[in-house]
Amino acid sequence: MRLDKYLKVSRIIKRRTVANEACAGGRVTVNGKVAKPGADVKPGDILTIRFGEHLGKYEVLSITETVRKEQADQMYRILEEDAAAAQERA
C-alpha cells in the first residue's frame, strides 16, 4: 500500500493530502529512510513522522484497504510518541 494512503487509512494522519504533503516535505521516514508518498508500506515497517518539533514512531502491524474508525489503531503500534504528536493524530 502507498505510504500516504496507509497514513490516512490508519488515521495516523487524518487527511491524505496532509499525509502526502508530510511525505513530500521529507518529514516521514520508513525504516530510517526518507520516503515519498508513493513508497510501499508493509507489515513490520517502522514509520517515523515529524510534526514540527515533535516526533512519532509507529510499527506497521497490518495493511487493510478500508477500516472502521474504531479499528484503525489496530493497524499500527505506537513505539514512541510525545504528547504533541498524539494530539496532532487525534
PDB file of N, CA and C in Angstrom:
ATOM      1  N   MET A   1       0.858  -1.177   0.000  1.00  0.00           N
ATOM      2  CA  MET A   1       0.000   0.000   0.000  1.00  0.00           C
ATOM      3  C   MET A   1       0.904   1.240   0.000  1.00  0.00           C
ATOM      4  N   ARG A   2       0.448   2.285  -0.673  1.00  0.00           N
ATOM      5  CA  ARG A   2       1.179   3.552  -0.699  1.00  0.00           C
ATOM      6  C   ARG A   2       1.253   4.145   0.704  1.00  0.00           C
ATOM      7  N   LEU A   3       2.362   4.761   1.008  1.00  0.00           N
ATOM      8  CA  LEU A   3       2.572   5.356   2.323  1.00  0.00           C
ATOM      9  C   LEU A   3       1.511   6.406   2.663  1.00  0.00           C
ATOM     10  N   ASP A   4       1.229   7.318   1.738  1.00  0.00           N
ATOM     11  CA  ASP A   4       0.247   8.361   2.038  1.00  0.00           C
ATOM     12  C   ASP A   4      -1.135   7.776   2.309  1.00  0.00           C
ATOM     13  N   LYS A   5      -1.504   6.743   1.577  1.00  0.00           N
ATOM     14  CA  LYS A   5      -2.804   6.099   1.794  1.00  0.00           C
ATOM     15  C   LYS A   5      -2.824   5.367   3.137  1.00  0.00           C
ATOM     16  N   TYR A   6      -1.735   4.691   3.474  1.00  0.00           N
ATOM     17  CA  TYR A   6      -1.663   3.988   4.756  1.00  0.00           C
ATOM     18  C   TYR A   6      -1.829   4.967   5.922  1.00  0.00           C
ATOM     19  N   LEU A   7      -1.138   6.099   5.849  1.00  0.00           N
ATOM     20  CA  LEU A   7      -1.234   7.084   6.925  1.00  0.00           C
ATOM     21  C   LEU A   7      -2.662   7.571   7.101  1.00  0.00           C
ATOM     22  N   LYS A   8      -3.391   7.714   6.006  1.00  0.00           N
ATOM     23  CA  LYS A   8      -4.786   8.155   6.060  1.00  0.00           C
ATOM     24  C   LYS A   8      -5.713   7.049   6.553  1.00  0.00           C
ATOM     25  N   VAL A   9      -5.595   5.851   5.975  1.00  0.00           N
ATOM     26  CA  VAL A   9      -6.483   4.734   6.355  1.00  0.00           C
ATOM     27  C   VAL A   9      -6.297   4.375   7.830  1.00  0.00           C
ATOM     28  N   SER A  10      -5.051   4.389   8.309  1.00  0.00           N
ATOM     29  CA  SER A  10      -4.775   4.049   9.708  1.00  0.00           C
ATOM     30  C   SER A  10      -5.110   5.198  10.654  1.00  0.00           C
ATOM     31  N   ARG A  11      -5.364   6.360  10.071  1.00  0.00           N
ATOM     32  CA  ARG A  11      -5.701   7.577  10.808  1.00  0.00           C
ATOM     33  C   ARG A  11      -4.554   8.086  11.669  1.00  0.00           C
ATOM     34  N   ILE A  12      -3.324   7.732  11.303  1.00  0.00           N
ATOM     35  CA  ILE A  12      -2.174   8.369  11.934  1.00  0.00           C
ATOM     36  C   ILE A  12      -2.194   9.843  11.525  1.00  0.00           C
ATOM     37  N   ILE A  13      -2.506  10.083  10.247  1.00  0.00           N
ATOM     38  CA  ILE A  13      -2.762  11.437   9.738  1.00  0.00           C
ATOM     39  C   ILE A  13      -4.161  11.384   9.138  1.00  0.00           C
ATOM     40  N   LYS A  14      -5.006  12.349   9.480  1.00  0.00           N
ATOM     41  CA  LYS A  14      -6.425  12.252   9.138  1.00  0.00           C
ATOM     42  C   LYS A  14      -6.769  12.445   7.668  1.00  0.00           C
ATOM     43  N   ARG A  15      -5.992  13.265   6.957  1.00  0.00           N
ATOM     44  CA  ARG A  15      -6.327  13.519   5.555  1.00  0.00           C
ATOM     45  C   ARG A  15      -5.176  13.097   4.658  1.00  0.00           C
ATOM     46  N   ARG A  16      -5.518  12.529   3.516  1.00  0.00           N
ATOM     47  CA  ARG A  16      -4.491  12.035   2.602  1.00  0.00           C
ATOM     48  C   ARG A  16      -3.657  13.176   2.029  1.00  0.00           C
ATOM     49  N   THR A  17      -4.261  14.326   1.790  1.00  0.00           N
ATOM     50  CA  THR A  17      -3.483  15.446   1.264  1.00  0.00           C
ATOM     51  C   THR A  17      -2.430  15.893   2.275  1.00  0.00           C
ATOM     52  N   VAL A  18      -2.770  15.885   3.550  1.00  0.00           N
ATOM     53  CA  VAL A  18      -1.807  16.245   4.597  1.00  0.00           C
ATOM     54  C   VAL A  18      -0.716  15.182   4.674  1.00  0.00           C
ATOM     55  N   ALA A  19      -1.094  13.920   4.562  1.00  0.00           N
ATOM     56  CA  ALA A  19      -0.115  12.830   4.555  1.00  0.00           C
ATOM     57  C   ALA A  19       0.828  12.965   3.365  1.00  0.00           C
ATOM     58  N   ASN A  20       0.260  13.288   2.211  1.00  0.00           N
ATOM     59  CA  ASN A  20       1.052  13.463   1.002  1.00  0.00           C
ATOM     60  C   ASN A  20       2.052  14.613   1.180  1.00  0.00           C
ATOM     61  N   GLU A  21       1.599  15.730   1.743  1.00  0.00           N
ATOM     62  CA  GLU A  21       2.472  16.882   1.974  1.00  0.00           C
ATOM     63  C   GLU A  21       3.576  16.556   2.974  1.00  0.00           C
ATOM     64  N   ALA A  22       3.242  15.809   4.032  1.00  0.00           N
ATOM     65  CA  ALA A  22       4.241  15.430   5.030  1.00  0.00           C
ATOM     66  C   ALA A  22       5.328  14.560   4.399  1.00  0.00           C
ATOM     67  N   CYS A  23       4.916  13.619   3.554  1.00  0.00           N
ATOM     68  CA  CYS A  23       5.872  12.740   2.878  1.00  0.00           C
ATOM     69  C   CYS A  23       6.729  13.543   1.890  1.00  0.00           C
ATOM     70  N   ALA A  24       6.083  14.358   1.087  1.00  0.00           N
ATOM     71  CA  ALA A  24       6.788  15.156   0.075  1.00  0.00           C
ATOM     72  C   ALA A  24       7.754  16.137   0.733  1.00  0.00           C
ATOM     73  N   GLY A  25       7.428  16.577   1.943  1.00  0.00           N
ATOM     74  CA  GLY A  25       8.272  17.516   2.670  1.00  0.00           C
ATOM     75  C   GLY A  25       9.417  16.867   3.417  1.00  0.00           C
ATOM     76  N   GLY A  26       9.564  15.548   3.290  1.00  0.00           N
ATOM     77  CA  GLY A  26      10.666  14.846   3.937  1.00  0.00           C
ATOM     78  C   GLY A  26      10.487  14.640   5.426  1.00  0.00           C
ATOM     79  N   ARG A  27       9.253  14.731   5.921  1.00  0.00           N
ATOM     80  CA  ARG A  27       9.004  14.583   7.357  1.00  0.00           C
ATOM     81  C   ARG A  27       8.625  13.165   7.756  1.00  0.00           C
ATOM     82  N   VAL A  28       8.587  12.237   6.787  1.00  0.00           N
ATOM     83  CA  VAL A  28       8.217  10.852   7.082  1.00  0.00           C
ATOM     84  C   VAL A  28       9.338   9.928   6.618  1.00  0.00           C
ATOM     85  N   THR A  29       9.738   9.009   7.499  1.00  0.00           N
ATOM     86  CA  THR A  29      10.723   8.005   7.101  1.00  0.00           C
ATOM     87  C   THR A  29      10.113   6.618   7.264  1.00  0.00           C
ATOM     88  N   VAL A  30      10.570   5.697   6.426  1.00  0.00           N
ATOM     89  CA  VAL A  30      10.202   4.287   6.533  1.00  0.00           C
ATOM     90  C   VAL A  30      11.501   3.529   6.753  1.00  0.00           C
ATOM     91  N   ASN A  31      11.607   2.861   7.881  1.00  0.00           N
ATOM     92  CA  ASN A  31      12.808   2.115   8.250  1.00  0.00           C
ATOM     93  C   ASN A  31      14.056   2.989   8.181  1.00  0.00           C
ATOM     94  N   GLY A  32      13.924   4.243   8.631  1.00  0.00           N
ATOM     95  CA  GLY A  32      15.066   5.144   8.719  1.00  0.00           C
ATOM     96  C   GLY A  32      15.420   5.898   7.456  1.00  0.00           C
ATOM     97  N   LYS A  33      14.689   5.670   6.367  1.00  0.00           N
ATOM     98  CA  LYS A  33      14.972   6.358   5.108  1.00  0.00           C
ATOM     99  C   LYS A  33      13.811   7.278   4.750  1.00  0.00           C
ATOM    100  N   VAL A  34      14.132   8.499   4.336  1.00  0.00           N
ATOM    101  CA  VAL A  34      13.091   9.448   3.929  1.00  0.00           C
ATOM    102  C   VAL A  34      12.278   8.812   2.806  1.00  0.00           C
ATOM    103  N   ALA A  35      10.949   8.884   2.929  1.00  0.00           N
ATOM    104  CA  ALA A  35      10.072   8.192   1.980  1.00  0.00           C
ATOM    105  C   ALA A  35       9.149   9.161   1.268  1.00  0.00           C
ATOM    106  N   LYS A  36       8.934   8.904  -0.008  1.00  0.00           N
ATOM    107  CA  LYS A  36       7.999   9.680  -0.811  1.00  0.00           C
ATOM    108  C   LYS A  36       6.586   9.150  -0.585  1.00  0.00           C
ATOM    109  N   PRO A  37       5.563   9.916  -0.971  1.00  0.00           N
ATOM    110  CA  PRO A  37       4.171   9.486  -0.746  1.00  0.00           C
ATOM    111  C   PRO A  37       3.834   8.130  -1.362  1.00  0.00           C
ATOM    112  N   GLY A  38       4.463   7.771  -2.461  1.00  0.00           N
ATOM    113  CA  GLY A  38       4.157   6.516  -3.139  1.00  0.00           C
ATOM    114  C   GLY A  38       4.982   5.327  -2.668  1.00  0.00           C
ATOM    115  N   ALA A  39       5.795   5.520  -1.631  1.00  0.00           N
ATOM    116  CA  ALA A  39       6.616   4.417  -1.121  1.00  0.00           C
ATOM    117  C   ALA A  39       5.722   3.282  -0.644  1.00  0.00           C
ATOM    118  N   ASP A  40       6.179   2.062  -0.835  1.00  0.00           N
ATOM    119  CA  ASP A  40       5.413   0.882  -0.443  1.00  0.00           C
ATOM    120  C   ASP A  40       5.572   0.621   1.052  1.00  0.00           C
ATOM    121  N   VAL A  41       4.461   0.361   1.738  1.00  0.00           N
ATOM    122  CA  VAL A  41       4.470   0.067   3.170  1.00  0.00           C
ATOM    123  C   VAL A  41       3.982  -1.356   3.369  1.00  0.00           C
ATOM    124  N   LYS A  42       4.665  -2.092   4.255  1.00  0.00           N
ATOM    125  CA  LYS A  42       4.278  -3.476   4.536  1.00  0.00           C
ATOM    126  C   LYS A  42       4.398  -3.735   6.041  1.00  0.00           C
ATOM    127  N   PRO A  43       3.742  -4.774   6.535  1.00  0.00           N
ATOM    128  CA  PRO A  43       3.832  -5.082   7.969  1.00  0.00           C
ATOM    129  C   PRO A  43       5.288  -5.253   8.400  1.00  0.00           C
ATOM    130  N   GLY A  44       5.600  -4.707   9.566  1.00  0.00           N
ATOM    131  CA  GLY A  44       6.952  -4.766  10.095  1.00  0.00           C
ATOM    132  C   GLY A  44       7.743  -3.488   9.863  1.00  0.00           C
ATOM    133  N   ASP A  45       7.292  -2.645   8.936  1.00  0.00           N
ATOM    134  CA  ASP A  45       7.979  -1.380   8.684  1.00  0.00           C
ATOM    135  C   ASP A  45       7.834  -0.452   9.891  1.00  0.00           C
ATOM    136  N   ILE A  46       8.853   0.369  10.101  1.00  0.00           N
ATOM    137  CA  ILE A  46       8.833   1.363  11.162  1.00  0.00           C
ATOM    138  C   ILE A  46       8.706   2.740  10.512  1.00  0.00           C
ATOM    139  N   LEU A  47       7.646   3.456  10.861  1.00  0.00           N
ATOM    140  CA  LEU A  47       7.397   4.789  10.322  1.00  0.00           C
ATOM    141  C   LEU A  47       7.750   5.822  11.383  1.00  0.00           C
ATOM    142  N   THR A  48       8.479   6.840  10.989  1.00  0.00           N
ATOM    143  CA  THR A  48       8.790   7.952  11.872  1.00  0.00           C
ATOM    144  C   THR A  48       8.241   9.212  11.212  1.00  0.00           C
ATOM    145  N   ILE A  49       7.457   9.964  11.962  1.00  0.00           N
ATOM    146  CA  ILE A  49       6.807  11.159  11.425  1.00  0.00           C
ATOM    147  C   ILE A  49       7.131  12.333  12.326  1.00  0.00           C
ATOM    148  N   ARG A  50       7.612  13.407  11.710  1.00  0.00           N
ATOM    149  CA  ARG A  50       7.929  14.621  12.448  1.00  0.00           C
ATOM    150  C   ARG A  50       6.790  15.616  12.276  1.00  0.00           C
ATOM    151  N   PHE A  51       6.177  15.993  13.402  1.00  0.00           N
ATOM    152  CA  PHE A  51       5.120  17.010  13.433  1.00  0.00           C
ATOM    153  C   PHE A  51       5.761  18.264  14.020  1.00  0.00           C
ATOM    154  N   GLY A  52       6.314  19.142  13.181  1.00  0.00           N
ATOM    155  CA  GLY A  52       7.037  20.306  13.695  1.00  0.00           C
ATOM    156  C   GLY A  52       8.269  19.823  14.432  1.00  0.00           C
ATOM    157  N   GLU A  53       8.360  20.151  15.717  1.00  0.00           N
ATOM    158  CA  GLU A  53       9.492  19.698  16.528  1.00  0.00           C
ATOM    159  C   GLU A  53       9.200  18.375  17.224  1.00  0.00           C
ATOM    160  N   HIS A  54       8.022  17.837  17.038  1.00  0.00           N
ATOM    161  CA  HIS A  54       7.597  16.639  17.748  1.00  0.00           C
ATOM    162  C   HIS A  54       7.729  15.408  16.862  1.00  0.00           C
ATOM    163  N   LEU A  55       7.892  14.272  17.500  1.00  0.00           N
ATOM    164  CA  LEU A  55       8.189  13.043  16.775  1.00  0.00           C
ATOM    165  C   LEU A  55       7.235  11.923  17.171  1.00  0.00           C
ATOM    166  N   GLY A  56       6.798  11.149  16.181  1.00  0.00           N
ATOM    167  CA  GLY A  56       6.002   9.954  16.424  1.00  0.00           C
ATOM    168  C   GLY A  56       6.643   8.793  15.688  1.00  0.00           C
ATOM    169  N   LYS A  57       6.712   7.638  16.349  1.00  0.00           N
ATOM    170  CA  LYS A  57       7.320   6.453  15.740  1.00  0.00           C
ATOM    171  C   LYS A  57       6.332   5.297  15.871  1.00  0.00           C
ATOM    172  N   TYR A  58       6.047   4.635  14.738  1.00  0.00           N
ATOM    173  CA  TYR A  58       4.991   3.621  14.688  1.00  0.00           C
ATOM    174  C   TYR A  58       5.469   2.386  13.939  1.00  0.00           C
ATOM    175  N   GLU A  59       5.025   1.223  14.381  1.00  0.00           N
ATOM    176  CA  GLU A  59       5.296  -0.029  13.668  1.00  0.00           C
ATOM    177  C   GLU A  59       4.035  -0.440  12.921  1.00  0.00           C
ATOM    178  N   VAL A  60       4.169  -0.742  11.645  1.00  0.00           N
ATOM    179  CA  VAL A  60       3.048  -1.189  10.823  1.00  0.00           C
ATOM    180  C   VAL A  60       2.731  -2.643  11.205  1.00  0.00           C
ATOM    181  N   LEU A  61       1.506  -2.896  11.635  1.00  0.00           N
ATOM    182  CA  LEU A  61       1.093  -4.251  12.010  1.00  0.00           C
ATOM    183  C   LEU A  61       0.304  -4.937  10.903  1.00  0.00           C
ATOM    184  N   SER A  62      -0.525  -4.159  10.195  1.00  0.00           N
ATOM    185  CA  SER A  62      -1.339  -4.754   9.131  1.00  0.00           C
ATOM    186  C   SER A  62      -1.649  -3.720   8.065  1.00  0.00           C
ATOM    187  N   ILE A  63      -1.983  -4.221   6.890  1.00  0.00           N
ATOM    188  CA  ILE A  63      -2.371  -3.384   5.763  1.00  0.00           C
ATOM    189  C   ILE A  63      -3.803  -3.764   5.412  1.00  0.00           C
ATOM    190  N   THR A  64      -4.692  -2.787   5.440  1.00  0.00           N
ATOM    191  CA  THR A  64      -6.087  -3.004   5.100  1.00  0.00           C
ATOM    192  C   THR A  64      -6.551  -1.835   4.245  1.00  0.00           C
ATOM    193  N   GLU A  65      -7.224  -2.130   3.141  1.00  0.00           N
ATOM    194  CA  GLU A  65      -7.670  -1.077   2.225  1.00  0.00           C
ATOM    195  C   GLU A  65      -8.674  -0.132   2.869  1.00  0.00           C
ATOM    196  N   THR A  66      -9.605  -0.680   3.616  1.00  0.00           N
ATOM    197  CA  THR A  66     -10.584   0.141   4.324  1.00  0.00           C
ATOM    198  C   THR A  66     -10.734  -0.422   5.731  1.00  0.00           C
ATOM    199  N   VAL A  67     -10.972   0.466   6.671  1.00  0.00           N
ATOM    200  CA  VAL A  67     -11.125   0.039   8.059  1.00  0.00           C
ATOM    201  C   VAL A  67     -12.031   1.038   8.771  1.00  0.00           C
ATOM    202  N   ARG A  68     -12.801   0.540   9.710  1.00  0.00           N
ATOM    203  CA  ARG A  68     -13.666   1.414  10.502  1.00  0.00           C
ATOM    204  C   ARG A  68     -12.800   2.228  11.461  1.00  0.00           C
ATOM    205  N   LYS A  69     -13.262   3.407  11.784  1.00  0.00           N
ATOM    206  CA  LYS A  69     -12.517   4.326  12.645  1.00  0.00           C
ATOM    207  C   LYS A  69     -12.114   3.658  13.970  1.00  0.00           C
ATOM    208  N   GLU A  70     -13.012   2.879  14.531  1.00  0.00           N
ATOM    209  CA  GLU A  70     -12.762   2.234  15.825  1.00  0.00           C
ATOM    210  C   GLU A  70     -11.640   1.202  15.751  1.00  0.00           C
ATOM    211  N   GLN A  71     -11.384   0.671  14.565  1.00  0.00           N
ATOM    212  CA  GLN A  71     -10.384  -0.388  14.423  1.00  0.00           C
ATOM    213  C   GLN A  71      -9.089   0.090  13.784  1.00  0.00           C
ATOM    214  N   ALA A  72      -9.018   1.365  13.413  1.00  0.00           N
ATOM    215  CA  ALA A  72      -7.843   1.889  12.716  1.00  0.00           C
ATOM    216  C   ALA A  72      -6.578   1.765  13.549  1.00  0.00           C
ATOM    217  N   ASP A  73      -6.682   1.931  14.867  1.00  0.00           N
ATOM    218  CA  ASP A  73      -5.485   1.873  15.698  1.00  0.00           C
ATOM    219  C   ASP A  73      -4.901   0.457  15.824  1.00  0.00           C
ATOM    220  N   GLN A  74      -5.613  -0.539  15.311  1.00  0.00           N
ATOM    221  CA  GLN A  74      -5.088  -1.905  15.308  1.00  0.00           C
ATOM    222  C   GLN A  74      -4.151  -2.156  14.127  1.00  0.00           C
ATOM    223  N   MET A  75      -4.047  -1.169  13.226  1.00  0.00           N
ATOM    224  CA  MET A  75      -3.172  -1.304  12.063  1.00  0.00           C
ATOM    225  C   MET A  75      -1.720  -0.982  12.399  1.00  0.00           C
ATOM    226  N   TYR A  76      -1.471  -0.371  13.553  1.00  0.00           N
ATOM    227  CA  TYR A  76      -0.114   0.017  13.929  1.00  0.00           C
ATOM    228  C   TYR A  76       0.063  -0.046  15.438  1.00  0.00           C
ATOM    229  N   ARG A  77       1.327  -0.015  15.850  1.00  0.00           N
ATOM    230  CA  ARG A  77       1.657   0.038  17.276  1.00  0.00           C
ATOM    231  C   ARG A  77       2.505   1.280  17.491  1.00  0.00           C
ATOM    232  N   ILE A  78       2.186   2.044  18.501  1.00  0.00           N
ATOM    233  CA  ILE A  78       2.958   3.243  18.824  1.00  0.00           C
ATOM    234  C   ILE A  78       4.228   2.802  19.541  1.00  0.00           C
ATOM    235  N   LEU A  79       5.378   3.149  18.963  1.00  0.00           N
ATOM    236  CA  LEU A  79       6.647   2.827  19.591  1.00  0.00           C
ATOM    237  C   LEU A  79       7.142   4.002  20.425  1.00  0.00           C
ATOM    238  N   GLU A  80       6.877   5.199  19.924  1.00  0.00           N
ATOM    239  CA  GLU A  80       7.320   6.405  20.618  1.00  0.00           C
ATOM    240  C   GLU A  80       6.447   7.554  20.127  1.00  0.00           C
ATOM    241  N   GLU A  81       5.973   8.357  21.063  1.00  0.00           N
ATOM    242  CA  GLU A  81       5.115   9.459  20.648  1.00  0.00           C
ATOM    243  C   GLU A  81       5.056  10.465  21.784  1.00  0.00           C
ATOM    244  N   ASP A  82       5.387  11.715  21.491  1.00  0.00           N
ATOM    245  CA  ASP A  82       5.236  12.720  22.519  1.00  0.00           C
ATOM    246  C   ASP A  82       3.809  13.260  22.497  1.00  0.00           C
ATOM    247  N   ALA A  83       3.460  14.018  23.504  1.00  0.00           N
ATOM    248  CA  ALA A  83       2.082  14.472  23.666  1.00  0.00           C
ATOM    249  C   ALA A  83       1.587  15.286  22.465  1.00  0.00           C
ATOM    250  N   ALA A  84       2.447  16.122  21.894  1.00  0.00           N
ATOM    251  CA  ALA A  84       2.033  16.962  20.760  1.00  0.00           C
ATOM    252  C   ALA A  84       1.759  16.106  19.513  1.00  0.00           C
ATOM    253  N   ALA A  85       2.554  15.062  19.297  1.00  0.00           N
ATOM    254  CA  ALA A  85       2.318  14.173  18.152  1.00  0.00           C
ATOM    255  C   ALA A  85       1.011  13.421  18.352  1.00  0.00           C
ATOM    256  N   ALA A  86       0.719  13.002  19.568  1.00  0.00           N
ATOM    257  CA  ALA A  86      -0.534  12.310  19.851  1.00  0.00           C
ATOM    258  C   ALA A  86      -1.724  13.237  19.613  1.00  0.00           C
ATOM    259  N   GLN A  87      -1.574  14.487  20.012  1.00  0.00           N
ATOM    260  CA  GLN A  87      -2.659  15.454  19.806  1.00  0.00           C
ATOM    261  C   GLN A  87      -2.873  15.720  18.320  1.00  0.00           C
ATOM    262  N   GLU A  88      -1.797  15.797  17.542  1.00  0.00           N
ATOM    263  CA  GLU A  88      -1.890  16.013  16.105  1.00  0.00           C
ATOM    264  C   GLU A  88      -2.637  14.850  15.455  1.00  0.00           C
ATOM    265  N   ARG A  89      -2.401  13.634  15.948  1.00  0.00           N
ATOM    266  CA  ARG A  89      -3.016  12.442  15.406  1.00  0.00           C
ATOM    267  C   ARG A  89      -4.487  12.338  15.816  1.00  0.00           C
ATOM    268  N   ALA A  90      -4.841  12.891  16.962  1.00  0.00           N
ATOM    269  CA  ALA A  90      -6.202  12.769  17.494  1.00  0.00           C
ATOM    270  C   ALA A  90      -7.252  13.519  16.731  1.00  0.00           C
TER     271      ALA A  90
END
